[in-house]
Protein backbone atom coordinates (compact mmCIF):
# COMPACT_ATOMS: atom_id res chain seq x y z
CA MET A 1 13.45 -19.56 -71.87
CA ILE A 2 14.62 -21.49 -69.13
CA ASP A 3 11.83 -22.02 -66.94
CA MET A 4 12.37 -22.52 -62.86
CA LYS A 5 8.84 -21.68 -61.76
CA GLY A 6 8.69 -24.50 -58.31
CA LYS A 7 12.13 -24.65 -58.17
CA VAL A 8 14.39 -23.48 -54.75
CA ALA A 9 17.50 -21.64 -55.84
CA VAL A 10 19.99 -21.14 -52.85
CA ILE A 11 22.71 -18.09 -53.31
CA PHE A 12 25.42 -17.67 -50.82
CA GLY A 13 27.66 -14.60 -51.06
CA LEU A 14 25.21 -11.93 -51.87
CA ALA A 15 26.80 -8.50 -51.35
CA ASN A 16 25.96 -5.67 -53.06
CA LYS A 17 24.65 -4.67 -56.84
CA ARG A 18 28.01 -5.00 -58.12
CA SER A 19 28.81 -8.87 -57.16
CA ILE A 20 28.34 -11.71 -59.31
CA ALA A 21 25.45 -13.83 -56.63
CA TYR A 22 23.04 -10.31 -57.79
CA GLY A 23 23.41 -10.81 -61.36
CA ILE A 24 22.73 -14.90 -60.87
CA ALA A 25 19.96 -13.87 -58.47
CA GLN A 26 18.40 -11.97 -61.37
CA ARG A 27 18.77 -14.40 -63.73
CA PHE A 28 17.40 -16.98 -61.68
CA ALA A 29 14.38 -14.57 -60.57
CA GLU A 30 13.69 -13.45 -63.99
CA ALA A 31 13.46 -17.82 -64.88
CA GLY A 32 10.59 -17.84 -62.23
CA ALA A 33 12.86 -20.02 -59.29
CA THR A 34 11.98 -19.20 -55.31
CA LEU A 35 15.46 -17.65 -54.06
CA VAL A 36 17.20 -18.23 -50.52
CA LEU A 37 19.72 -15.79 -50.35
CA SER A 38 22.58 -15.46 -48.07
CA TYR A 39 24.67 -12.98 -46.43
CA GLN A 40 27.67 -12.81 -44.41
CA SER A 41 26.84 -10.83 -41.59
CA GLU A 42 23.92 -8.63 -40.03
CA ARG A 43 26.25 -5.22 -41.21
CA LEU A 44 25.23 -6.29 -44.88
CA LYS A 45 21.30 -7.13 -44.35
CA ARG A 46 19.98 -4.28 -45.02
CA GLU A 47 21.39 -4.47 -48.34
CA ALA A 48 20.44 -7.71 -48.68
CA GLU A 49 16.55 -6.75 -48.30
CA SER A 50 16.98 -4.09 -50.64
CA LEU A 51 18.16 -6.25 -53.43
CA VAL A 52 15.46 -8.51 -52.73
CA ALA A 53 12.63 -5.66 -52.89
CA GLU A 54 14.90 -4.80 -56.22
CA LEU A 55 14.33 -8.24 -57.58
CA GLY A 56 10.66 -8.33 -57.06
CA GLN A 57 10.49 -11.03 -54.71
CA GLN A 58 9.84 -9.32 -51.55
CA GLU A 59 6.83 -11.77 -51.22
CA THR A 60 8.82 -14.89 -52.67
CA ALA A 61 12.69 -14.89 -51.42
CA ARG A 62 13.74 -15.44 -47.96
CA ILE A 63 16.78 -13.93 -46.87
CA TYR A 64 19.18 -15.47 -44.01
CA GLN A 65 22.47 -15.09 -42.33
CA CYS A 66 25.28 -17.46 -42.73
CA ASP A 67 29.09 -17.16 -42.04
CA VAL A 68 30.74 -20.13 -44.53
CA SER A 69 33.81 -20.55 -42.10
CA ARG A 70 31.04 -21.59 -39.23
CA ASP A 71 29.75 -25.40 -39.49
CA GLU A 72 26.96 -23.91 -37.19
CA GLU A 73 25.52 -21.28 -39.22
CA ILE A 74 25.61 -23.64 -42.56
CA ASP A 75 23.20 -25.92 -40.38
CA ALA A 76 20.90 -23.79 -38.89
CA LEU A 77 20.78 -22.04 -42.94
CA PHE A 78 19.67 -25.65 -44.01
CA ALA A 79 17.70 -26.34 -41.55
CA GLN A 80 15.91 -23.47 -41.73
CA ILE A 81 15.56 -24.04 -45.12
CA LYS A 82 14.12 -27.47 -44.83
CA GLU A 83 11.46 -26.25 -42.52
CA GLN A 84 10.12 -23.76 -45.04
CA TYR A 85 10.58 -25.38 -48.62
CA GLY A 86 11.81 -29.22 -47.54
CA THR A 87 13.43 -29.64 -50.96
CA ILE A 88 15.94 -27.17 -52.77
CA HIS A 89 17.19 -27.80 -56.32
CA SER A 90 20.13 -25.07 -56.86
CA VAL A 91 22.82 -23.58 -54.92
CA VAL A 92 25.01 -21.06 -56.42
CA HIS A 93 28.43 -20.41 -54.28
CA ALA A 94 29.99 -17.27 -55.08
CA VAL A 95 32.24 -16.82 -52.06
CA ALA A 96 35.87 -16.21 -51.80
CA PHE A 97 38.43 -14.32 -49.59
CA ALA A 98 41.85 -14.00 -48.43
CA PRO A 99 43.51 -11.72 -46.18
CA ALA A 100 44.33 -8.15 -47.68
CA ASP A 101 48.30 -8.91 -46.93
CA GLU A 102 47.89 -11.75 -48.65
CA ILE A 103 47.01 -10.40 -52.10
CA LYS A 104 49.18 -7.73 -52.22
CA ASN A 105 52.08 -8.99 -50.76
CA ASP A 106 54.68 -11.39 -52.49
CA PHE A 107 53.63 -14.35 -53.16
CA LEU A 108 56.92 -16.04 -51.26
CA LEU A 109 55.99 -13.86 -48.22
CA THR A 110 52.38 -16.01 -47.72
CA SER A 111 51.99 -16.59 -44.20
CA ARG A 112 50.26 -20.33 -42.69
CA GLU A 113 47.51 -18.32 -41.17
CA GLY A 114 46.39 -16.52 -44.10
CA PHE A 115 47.36 -19.39 -46.53
CA ARG A 116 44.28 -21.41 -43.93
CA ILE A 117 41.97 -18.73 -44.27
CA ALA A 118 41.84 -18.10 -47.92
CA HIS A 119 41.35 -21.94 -48.22
CA ASP A 120 38.66 -22.41 -45.81
CA VAL A 121 36.80 -19.55 -46.92
CA SER A 122 36.98 -19.97 -50.44
CA VAL A 123 37.89 -23.66 -50.55
CA TYR A 124 36.04 -26.07 -47.70
CA SER A 125 33.04 -23.94 -47.50
CA LEU A 126 31.87 -25.85 -50.59
CA ILE A 127 32.17 -28.85 -48.80
CA ALA A 128 30.52 -27.98 -45.95
CA VAL A 129 27.80 -26.20 -48.00
CA ALA A 130 27.63 -28.83 -50.43
CA ARG A 131 27.38 -31.27 -47.19
CA GLY A 132 23.99 -29.43 -45.73
CA ALA A 133 22.48 -29.14 -48.96
CA ALA A 134 22.20 -32.50 -50.41
CA PRO A 135 20.23 -34.24 -48.02
CA LEU A 136 17.51 -31.49 -49.55
CA MET A 137 18.31 -32.53 -53.04
CA GLU A 138 16.31 -36.09 -52.90
CA ALA A 139 15.44 -35.60 -56.80
CA GLY A 140 19.25 -34.35 -57.69
CA GLY A 141 20.02 -31.17 -58.66
CA ALA A 142 22.46 -28.79 -59.45
CA ILE A 143 25.59 -26.67 -57.46
CA VAL A 144 27.57 -24.45 -59.11
CA THR A 145 30.57 -21.96 -57.67
CA LEU A 146 32.55 -19.59 -59.05
CA THR A 147 36.41 -19.69 -59.75
CA TYR A 148 38.96 -17.99 -61.79
CA TYR A 149 41.77 -18.07 -64.55
CA GLY A 150 44.14 -17.66 -62.17
CA ALA A 151 43.30 -21.20 -60.81
CA ASP A 152 45.68 -21.59 -64.04
CA LYS A 153 48.33 -19.07 -64.59
CA VAL A 154 49.95 -16.53 -63.38
CA PHE A 155 48.04 -13.37 -62.38
CA PRO A 156 49.89 -10.25 -60.82
CA ASN A 157 48.65 -10.10 -57.42
CA TYR A 158 46.01 -12.48 -57.09
CA ASN A 159 48.71 -14.72 -55.33
CA VAL A 160 47.09 -17.03 -52.13
CA MET A 161 43.31 -16.84 -53.86
CA GLY A 162 45.00 -18.63 -57.32
CA VAL A 163 46.08 -21.40 -55.42
CA ALA A 164 42.80 -21.44 -53.51
CA LYS A 165 40.71 -21.47 -57.45
CA ALA A 166 42.81 -24.00 -58.41
CA ALA A 167 42.28 -26.27 -55.25
CA LEU A 168 38.26 -25.27 -55.46
CA GLU A 169 38.58 -26.35 -59.32
CA ALA A 170 40.03 -29.94 -58.17
CA THR A 171 36.99 -29.79 -55.60
CA VAL A 172 34.27 -29.26 -57.40
CA ARG A 173 35.21 -32.66 -60.10
CA TYR A 174 35.55 -34.69 -56.46
CA LEU A 175 32.31 -34.02 -55.11
CA ALA A 176 31.06 -34.42 -58.44
CA ALA A 177 32.16 -37.78 -58.05
CA SER A 178 30.89 -37.56 -54.68
CA LEU A 179 27.52 -36.78 -55.52
CA GLY A 180 27.42 -37.73 -59.30
CA PRO A 181 25.07 -41.25 -57.71
CA ARG A 182 22.55 -39.30 -55.87
CA GLY A 183 21.76 -37.84 -59.37
CA ILE A 184 23.82 -33.71 -57.99
CA ARG A 185 25.74 -32.47 -60.82
CA VAL A 186 28.57 -29.95 -59.22
CA ASN A 187 30.34 -27.54 -62.01
CA ALA A 188 32.47 -24.17 -61.44
CA ILE A 189 32.02 -21.17 -64.04
CA SER A 190 35.48 -19.67 -64.87
CA ALA A 191 34.15 -15.81 -64.84
CA GLY A 192 36.27 -13.15 -66.52
CA PRO A 193 37.25 -10.42 -64.24
CA ILE A 194 34.38 -8.11 -63.82
CA LYS A 195 34.75 -4.70 -60.91
CA THR A 196 33.34 -6.49 -57.87
CA LEU A 197 34.04 -5.28 -54.34
CA ALA A 198 36.36 -8.04 -53.97
CA ALA A 199 37.86 -7.04 -57.25
CA ARG A 200 39.61 -3.51 -55.49
CA GLY A 201 41.79 -5.91 -53.40
CA ILE A 202 43.44 -6.95 -56.54
CA GLY A 203 45.78 -4.46 -57.04
CA ASP A 204 46.07 -2.55 -60.97
CA PHE A 205 43.13 -4.55 -61.30
CA SER A 206 42.19 -2.19 -63.83
CA LYS A 207 45.48 -3.89 -65.90
CA ILE A 208 44.34 -7.10 -66.24
CA LEU A 209 40.83 -5.58 -67.23
CA ASP A 210 42.59 -3.28 -69.87
CA ALA A 211 44.26 -6.79 -71.08
CA VAL A 212 40.87 -9.07 -71.83
CA THR A 213 39.52 -5.68 -73.60
CA GLU A 214 42.44 -6.44 -75.90
CA ARG A 215 43.43 -9.72 -76.13
CA ALA A 216 39.91 -11.77 -75.78
CA PRO A 217 37.97 -12.48 -79.28
CA LEU A 218 35.52 -10.42 -78.33
CA LYS A 219 37.50 -7.66 -77.58
CA ARG A 220 35.42 -7.19 -74.18
CA ASN A 221 34.94 -7.80 -71.08
CA VAL A 222 31.91 -10.02 -69.41
CA ASP A 223 29.23 -8.58 -66.85
CA GLN A 224 27.64 -10.19 -63.92
CA LEU A 225 24.64 -11.09 -66.23
CA GLU A 226 26.18 -13.26 -69.12
CA VAL A 227 28.01 -14.77 -65.72
CA GLY A 228 25.00 -15.42 -63.77
CA GLY A 229 23.25 -16.61 -67.51
CA ALA A 230 25.35 -19.36 -67.74
CA ALA A 231 24.45 -20.66 -63.64
CA LEU A 232 20.96 -20.78 -64.78
CA PHE A 233 21.80 -23.28 -67.70
CA LEU A 234 24.18 -24.83 -65.66
CA CYS A 235 21.29 -25.40 -63.32
CA SER A 236 18.94 -25.58 -65.36
CA ASP A 237 17.89 -29.51 -67.33
CA LEU A 238 19.34 -28.32 -70.36
CA ALA A 239 22.93 -29.16 -68.52
CA SER A 240 21.52 -32.41 -67.17
CA GLY A 241 24.87 -33.98 -68.58
CA ILE A 242 26.97 -31.80 -67.14
CA THR A 243 29.42 -32.05 -64.05
CA GLY A 244 32.87 -31.80 -62.98
CA GLU A 245 33.44 -29.44 -65.14
CA VAL A 246 34.63 -25.30 -65.57
CA THR A 247 32.44 -23.54 -67.99
CA PHE A 248 34.72 -20.12 -68.82
CA VAL A 249 32.24 -16.98 -69.34
CA ASP A 250 35.27 -14.40 -70.19
CA CYS A 251 34.43 -13.39 -73.66
CA GLY A 252 37.49 -15.93 -74.95
CA PHE A 253 40.20 -14.48 -72.97
CA ASN A 254 41.69 -18.35 -72.02
CA ILE A 255 41.81 -19.41 -75.59
CA THR A 256 44.20 -16.79 -76.41
CA GLY A 257 48.72 -17.15 -76.50
CA ILE A 258 49.42 -13.74 -77.32
């Protein structure tokens, strides 16, 4: 059992019980970590409060609104965290977004603005978050983000998000090199397809789920808690020698050919 008592973990991307961020928060809570949870907008505040209650962390967890496309909100968040805790040990970046049209239209029709938004929210935000977190990780720590196999292979209706995830994975490597001298590790988890709110925007998503069930060595799809377990490991001392890597949690789907 990984023990995270006395460790502060900041998790971005909390949306609802189906979100991968919630599965990660569950695993961190079970390990005894003190959670700081971030939600994107005021309309998600009540949902975030109810999720904290379900995690059994009403007395210890803190929730903050933070739109990661706004530097001033990121700065304000880490200023509050510094005042409340002084030090943080882990950051989970579970954030991605692209306008709906950029997902459902032919990739050739990707707009300049849609491309910018997808990369700003899904990629640059990791840099911005890491920059805000690093000064509070004086004793080192770990940053984990979420990617997808669509960064390597073409998946139907994934389009500009696949390009953004490829950029995200490169960003992980460059951040790992930048932050390594401070003892801060940066890694990504490439999770298999999961029925999250974001996944609803991907056309024929059920076909991807079925393909994984058919082809993956384990003959099934992953769930949020399995991704949460991998994130907990990567943020623990057990992974102290791992940085700049993409770890697949997809029941082995990525190793198959046909």
